[in-house]
Protein backbone atom coordinates (compact mmCIF):
# COMPACT_ATOMS: atom_id res chain seq x y z
CA UNK A 1 143.76 -161.38 -103.48
CA UNK A 2 147.64 -160.27 -103.83
CA UNK A 3 149.48 -158.94 -106.68
CA UNK A 4 150.25 -162.13 -109.47
CA UNK A 5 154.03 -163.31 -109.07
CA UNK A 6 156.27 -164.07 -111.78
CA UNK A 7 158.66 -166.76 -112.11
CA UNK A 8 161.27 -166.69 -114.92
CA UNK A 9 161.53 -170.49 -116.64
CA UNK A 10 163.86 -171.76 -119.34
CA UNK A 11 165.96 -169.14 -121.49
CA UNK A 12 162.65 -166.10 -121.89
CA UNK A 13 159.47 -167.78 -120.84
CA UNK A 14 157.16 -166.51 -117.38
CA UNK A 15 155.47 -168.90 -115.17
CA UNK A 16 152.58 -167.29 -113.01
CA UNK A 17 151.73 -167.95 -109.75
CA UNK A 18 148.55 -166.33 -108.68
CA UNK A 19 147.52 -166.45 -104.70
CA UNK A 20 143.77 -166.06 -104.98
CA UNK A 21 143.13 -166.63 -101.27
CA UNK A 22 144.85 -166.82 -98.10
CA UNK A 23 147.63 -169.49 -98.65
CA UNK A 24 146.57 -170.79 -101.81
CA UNK A 25 147.20 -170.29 -105.50
CA UNK A 26 147.01 -171.31 -108.82
CA UNK A 27 149.65 -171.37 -111.08
CA UNK A 28 149.00 -170.01 -115.11
CA UNK A 29 150.92 -171.80 -117.95
CA UNK A 30 154.50 -173.47 -116.13
CA UNK A 31 156.75 -174.74 -118.64
CA UNK A 32 158.58 -176.54 -115.83
CA UNK A 33 157.91 -177.75 -111.65
CA UNK A 34 161.04 -177.26 -109.76
CA UNK A 35 161.14 -173.61 -109.68
CA UNK A 36 156.79 -173.03 -109.06
CA UNK A 37 157.12 -175.63 -106.69
CA UNK A 38 159.78 -173.80 -104.62
CA UNK A 39 158.67 -170.70 -105.11
CA UNK A 40 155.32 -171.83 -103.63
CA UNK A 41 156.36 -173.41 -100.39
CA UNK A 42 158.95 -170.16 -99.98
CA UNK A 43 155.75 -167.93 -99.74
CA UNK A 44 153.61 -170.59 -98.10
CA UNK A 45 151.09 -171.48 -100.67
CA UNK A 46 149.30 -174.40 -101.39
CA UNK A 47 148.31 -174.89 -105.40
CA UNK A 48 145.18 -175.70 -106.50
CA UNK A 49 145.11 -174.90 -109.98
CA UNK A 50 146.99 -175.15 -112.98
CA UNK A 51 145.42 -173.06 -115.64
CA UNK A 52 147.31 -173.69 -119.37
CA UNK A 53 146.27 -171.15 -122.59
CA UNK A 54 147.69 -173.60 -124.79
CA UNK A 55 149.45 -176.75 -125.77
CA UNK A 56 152.96 -175.75 -126.31
CA UNK A 57 155.13 -177.21 -124.24
CA UNK A 58 156.72 -174.39 -122.44
CA UNK A 59 153.44 -174.07 -121.08
CA UNK A 60 152.68 -177.26 -120.55
CA UNK A 61 155.82 -178.81 -119.24
CA UNK A 62 155.02 -178.64 -115.14
CA UNK A 63 151.96 -179.71 -115.41
CA UNK A 64 152.54 -183.75 -114.53
CA UNK A 65 154.87 -182.74 -111.61
CA UNK A 66 153.07 -179.94 -109.77
CA UNK A 67 149.78 -182.63 -110.15
CA UNK A 68 151.77 -185.14 -108.68
CA UNK A 69 153.04 -182.86 -105.86
CA UNK A 70 150.12 -181.25 -105.43
CA UNK A 71 146.77 -182.88 -106.48
CA UNK A 72 145.64 -179.46 -107.97
CA UNK A 73 143.34 -179.42 -110.78
CA UNK A 74 144.73 -178.59 -114.30
CA UNK A 75 141.96 -176.65 -116.38
CA UNK A 76 142.94 -175.75 -120.05
CA UNK A 77 141.33 -175.15 -123.69
CA UNK A 78 138.65 -177.76 -124.83
CA UNK A 79 140.03 -177.28 -128.41
CA UNK A 80 143.01 -179.35 -126.74
CA UNK A 81 142.25 -181.43 -124.63
CA UNK A 82 144.12 -184.63 -125.96
CA UNK A 83 146.95 -182.32 -125.50
CA UNK A 84 147.08 -180.63 -122.17
CA UNK A 85 148.80 -183.07 -119.44
CA UNK A 86 146.66 -183.88 -116.77
CA UNK A 87 143.87 -181.77 -117.82
CA UNK A 88 141.02 -182.14 -115.49
CA UNK A 89 138.65 -179.62 -116.59
CA UNK A 90 138.25 -178.53 -120.04
CA UNK A 91 136.85 -174.97 -121.05
CA UNK A 92 135.96 -172.68 -124.05
CA UNK A 93 135.29 -169.71 -124.63
CA UNK A 94 132.00 -167.48 -122.48
CA UNK A 95 133.06 -169.99 -119.40
CA UNK A 96 134.20 -169.18 -116.38
CA UNK A 97 136.72 -170.82 -113.80
CA UNK A 98 136.03 -170.35 -110.06
CA UNK A 99 138.84 -169.56 -107.66
CA UNK A 100 137.80 -169.54 -104.02
CA UNK A 101 135.98 -166.29 -104.84
CA UNK A 102 137.84 -164.64 -107.70
CA UNK A 103 136.45 -164.92 -111.47
CA UNK A 104 138.77 -166.23 -114.71
CA UNK A 105 136.37 -165.83 -117.56
CA UNK A 106 137.65 -167.97 -120.57
CA UNK A 107 138.12 -165.81 -124.33
CA UNK A 108 139.10 -167.75 -126.55
CA UNK A 109 141.83 -166.33 -128.77
CA UNK A 110 143.15 -169.25 -130.99
CA UNK A 111 145.45 -168.12 -132.99
CA UNK A 112 149.29 -169.20 -132.45
CA UNK A 113 147.90 -172.43 -132.06
CA UNK A 114 144.12 -173.29 -133.07
CA UNK A 115 142.14 -174.01 -129.13
CA UNK A 116 144.00 -170.85 -127.96
CA UNK A 117 142.47 -169.25 -124.81
CA UNK A 118 142.68 -166.55 -121.88
CA UNK A 119 141.48 -166.04 -118.81
CA UNK A 120 140.45 -162.42 -117.63
CA UNK A 121 140.17 -161.78 -114.20
CA UNK A 122 137.72 -158.65 -114.37
CA UNK A 123 137.43 -157.34 -110.53
CA UNK A 124 141.25 -157.99 -110.26
CA UNK A 125 142.18 -155.69 -113.86
CA UNK A 126 144.27 -159.01 -114.46
CA UNK A 127 144.74 -160.65 -118.16
CA UNK A 128 146.64 -164.10 -118.84
CA UNK A 129 146.87 -164.25 -122.83
CA UNK A 130 149.17 -166.53 -123.04
CA UNK A 131 151.56 -166.22 -126.34
CA UNK A 132 148.55 -164.28 -127.80
CA UNK A 133 149.38 -160.75 -126.88
CA UNK A 134 152.82 -159.48 -125.50
CA UNK A 135 154.66 -155.96 -125.09
CA UNK A 136 154.32 -154.72 -128.48
CA UNK A 137 153.85 -158.08 -129.84
CA UNK A 138 151.56 -160.87 -130.65
CA UNK A 139 151.99 -164.76 -130.88
CA UNK A 140 153.30 -166.35 -134.48
CA UNK A 141 150.43 -168.07 -136.56
CA UNK A 142 151.47 -171.48 -136.22
CA UNK A 143 147.81 -172.47 -136.63
CA UNK A 144 146.14 -170.09 -136.94
CA UNK A 145 145.32 -167.07 -139.84
CA UNK A 146 145.87 -163.32 -139.79
CA UNK A 147 142.30 -163.26 -139.59
CA UNK A 148 142.28 -165.08 -136.19
CA UNK A 149 144.99 -162.99 -134.89
CA UNK A 150 142.92 -160.07 -135.50
CA UNK A 151 140.19 -161.52 -134.39
CA UNK A 152 141.97 -162.84 -131.11
CA UNK A 153 143.92 -158.96 -130.37
CA UNK A 154 140.31 -157.06 -131.80
CA UNK A 155 138.92 -159.12 -128.60
CA UNK A 156 141.55 -158.18 -126.23
CA UNK A 157 142.24 -154.67 -126.74
CA UNK A 158 138.08 -154.04 -126.00
CA UNK A 159 139.06 -155.10 -122.35
CA UNK A 160 139.22 -151.89 -119.91
CA UNK A 161 142.80 -150.05 -120.68
CA UNK A 162 143.91 -150.47 -116.97
CA UNK A 163 143.57 -154.21 -117.51
CA UNK A 164 147.11 -155.34 -116.25
CA UNK A 165 148.73 -157.92 -118.85
CA UNK A 166 150.96 -161.33 -117.81
CA UNK A 167 151.75 -162.56 -120.70
CA UNK A 168 154.55 -165.78 -120.68
CA UNK A 169 157.20 -164.17 -122.38
CA UNK A 170 159.96 -161.20 -122.35
CA UNK A 171 160.05 -160.22 -125.71
CA UNK A 172 159.59 -157.10 -125.35
CA UNK A 173 162.80 -155.80 -126.54
CA UNK A 174 162.83 -157.23 -130.00
CA UNK A 175 159.09 -156.49 -130.61
CA UNK A 176 159.92 -152.73 -129.16
CA UNK A 177 163.03 -152.70 -132.35
CA UNK A 178 160.65 -154.19 -134.83
CA UNK A 179 157.67 -151.88 -133.64
CA UNK A 180 159.62 -148.67 -134.06
CA UNK A 181 160.07 -149.49 -137.49
CA UNK A 182 156.54 -150.08 -138.14
CA UNK A 183 156.01 -146.35 -136.55
CA UNK A 184 159.16 -144.45 -136.58
CA UNK A 185 157.24 -140.91 -135.45
CA UNK A 186 155.39 -142.78 -132.61
CA UNK A 187 156.21 -140.58 -129.45
CA UNK A 188 154.42 -143.16 -127.40
CA UNK A 189 156.70 -145.88 -128.84
CA UNK A 190 159.92 -144.22 -129.50
CA UNK A 191 159.56 -143.62 -125.22
CA UNK A 192 158.81 -147.33 -124.47
CA UNK A 193 162.07 -148.09 -126.73
CA UNK A 194 163.73 -146.24 -124.26
CA UNK A 195 162.42 -147.49 -121.35
CA UNK A 196 162.89 -150.90 -122.53
CA UNK A 197 166.21 -150.55 -123.66
CA UNK A 198 167.21 -148.96 -119.99
CA UNK A 199 165.51 -151.45 -118.09
CA UNK A 200 166.71 -155.03 -119.80
CA UNK A 201 170.30 -153.35 -119.98
CA UNK A 202 170.17 -153.93 -116.36
CA UNK A 203 168.37 -157.42 -116.90
CA UNK A 204 165.18 -156.07 -115.40
CA UNK A 205 161.64 -157.41 -116.22
CA UNK A 206 159.38 -155.55 -118.67
CA UNK A 207 156.33 -157.43 -117.79
CA UNK A 208 153.50 -157.01 -116.65
CA UNK A 209 152.16 -154.61 -118.21
CA UNK A 210 149.33 -151.95 -118.78
CA UNK A 211 146.98 -153.04 -121.83
CA UNK A 212 146.58 -149.32 -122.12
CA UNK A 213 150.41 -149.17 -123.55
CA UNK A 214 149.52 -151.36 -126.24
CA UNK A 215 146.76 -149.72 -127.49
CA UNK A 216 149.61 -146.94 -128.13
CA UNK A 217 152.40 -148.79 -129.03
CA UNK A 218 151.34 -151.98 -130.11
CA UNK A 219 151.84 -152.68 -134.32
CA UNK A 220 149.76 -155.68 -134.44
CA UNK A 221 147.41 -154.01 -132.12
CA UNK A 222 146.91 -150.65 -133.98
CA UNK A 223 146.39 -152.67 -136.79
CA UNK A 224 143.30 -151.40 -138.73
CA UNK A 225 143.04 -154.46 -141.06
CA UNK A 226 143.70 -158.05 -141.45
CA UNK A 227 146.11 -157.49 -144.25
CA UNK A 228 148.04 -155.34 -142.27
CA UNK A 229 148.49 -157.29 -139.25
CA UNK A 230 149.30 -159.72 -141.52
CA UNK A 231 152.17 -158.13 -143.82
CA UNK A 232 153.62 -157.24 -139.64
CA UNK A 233 153.28 -160.39 -138.76
CA UNK A 234 155.26 -161.61 -141.90
CA UNK A 235 157.60 -158.58 -141.47
CA UNK A 236 158.18 -159.78 -137.69
CA UNK A 237 158.90 -163.33 -138.57
CA UNK A 238 161.95 -162.03 -140.95
CA UNK A 239 163.44 -158.84 -138.72
């Protein structure tokens, strides 16, 4: 497998093209279709699968056109099956998606939406968490509770620290600026804030990132209780 290919879309989305074997690839959370199809053509890749993490339109908006163009298989969360366009295979916690010789483990992380899932590729050290985990952030609680997010992040932060996290949005600068208000004396966080500010000033992406960084700098991952996470999420919503 080669490195996941990051495809910017809309204002701040990242779509991921995952070449898992020679000449073939899966797409994770396609907000739109055209840039995905263009990049796949440019790289000589045939799209065989779409993997959706949740139902929000900026994650499934490209499903129908990509499926029509490629005949690919759409995989998505069973608990949101009715809301995933073109769904062929519904999956839930503990199931596995096979991509050639590659295995993606399905983790239920409902909080941002009630049926949200993440895809973890243990052999490749990759995590596609959708809108559950961001660099120094987490998803808004649209359909779930602080309890749900605390449980979801608990599952994700238990993965190997070297895991490469391919989240779905470029929210890092805003997240970092909030995080430093929570832990102003955290030297790792201050250093990361400065690095992110420099990167974004040059329009460089800050995603993907290692899970180890979140263990040191993410105020939601580092929250020690549901109440603490809930308070931080409410504060971030108003930030």
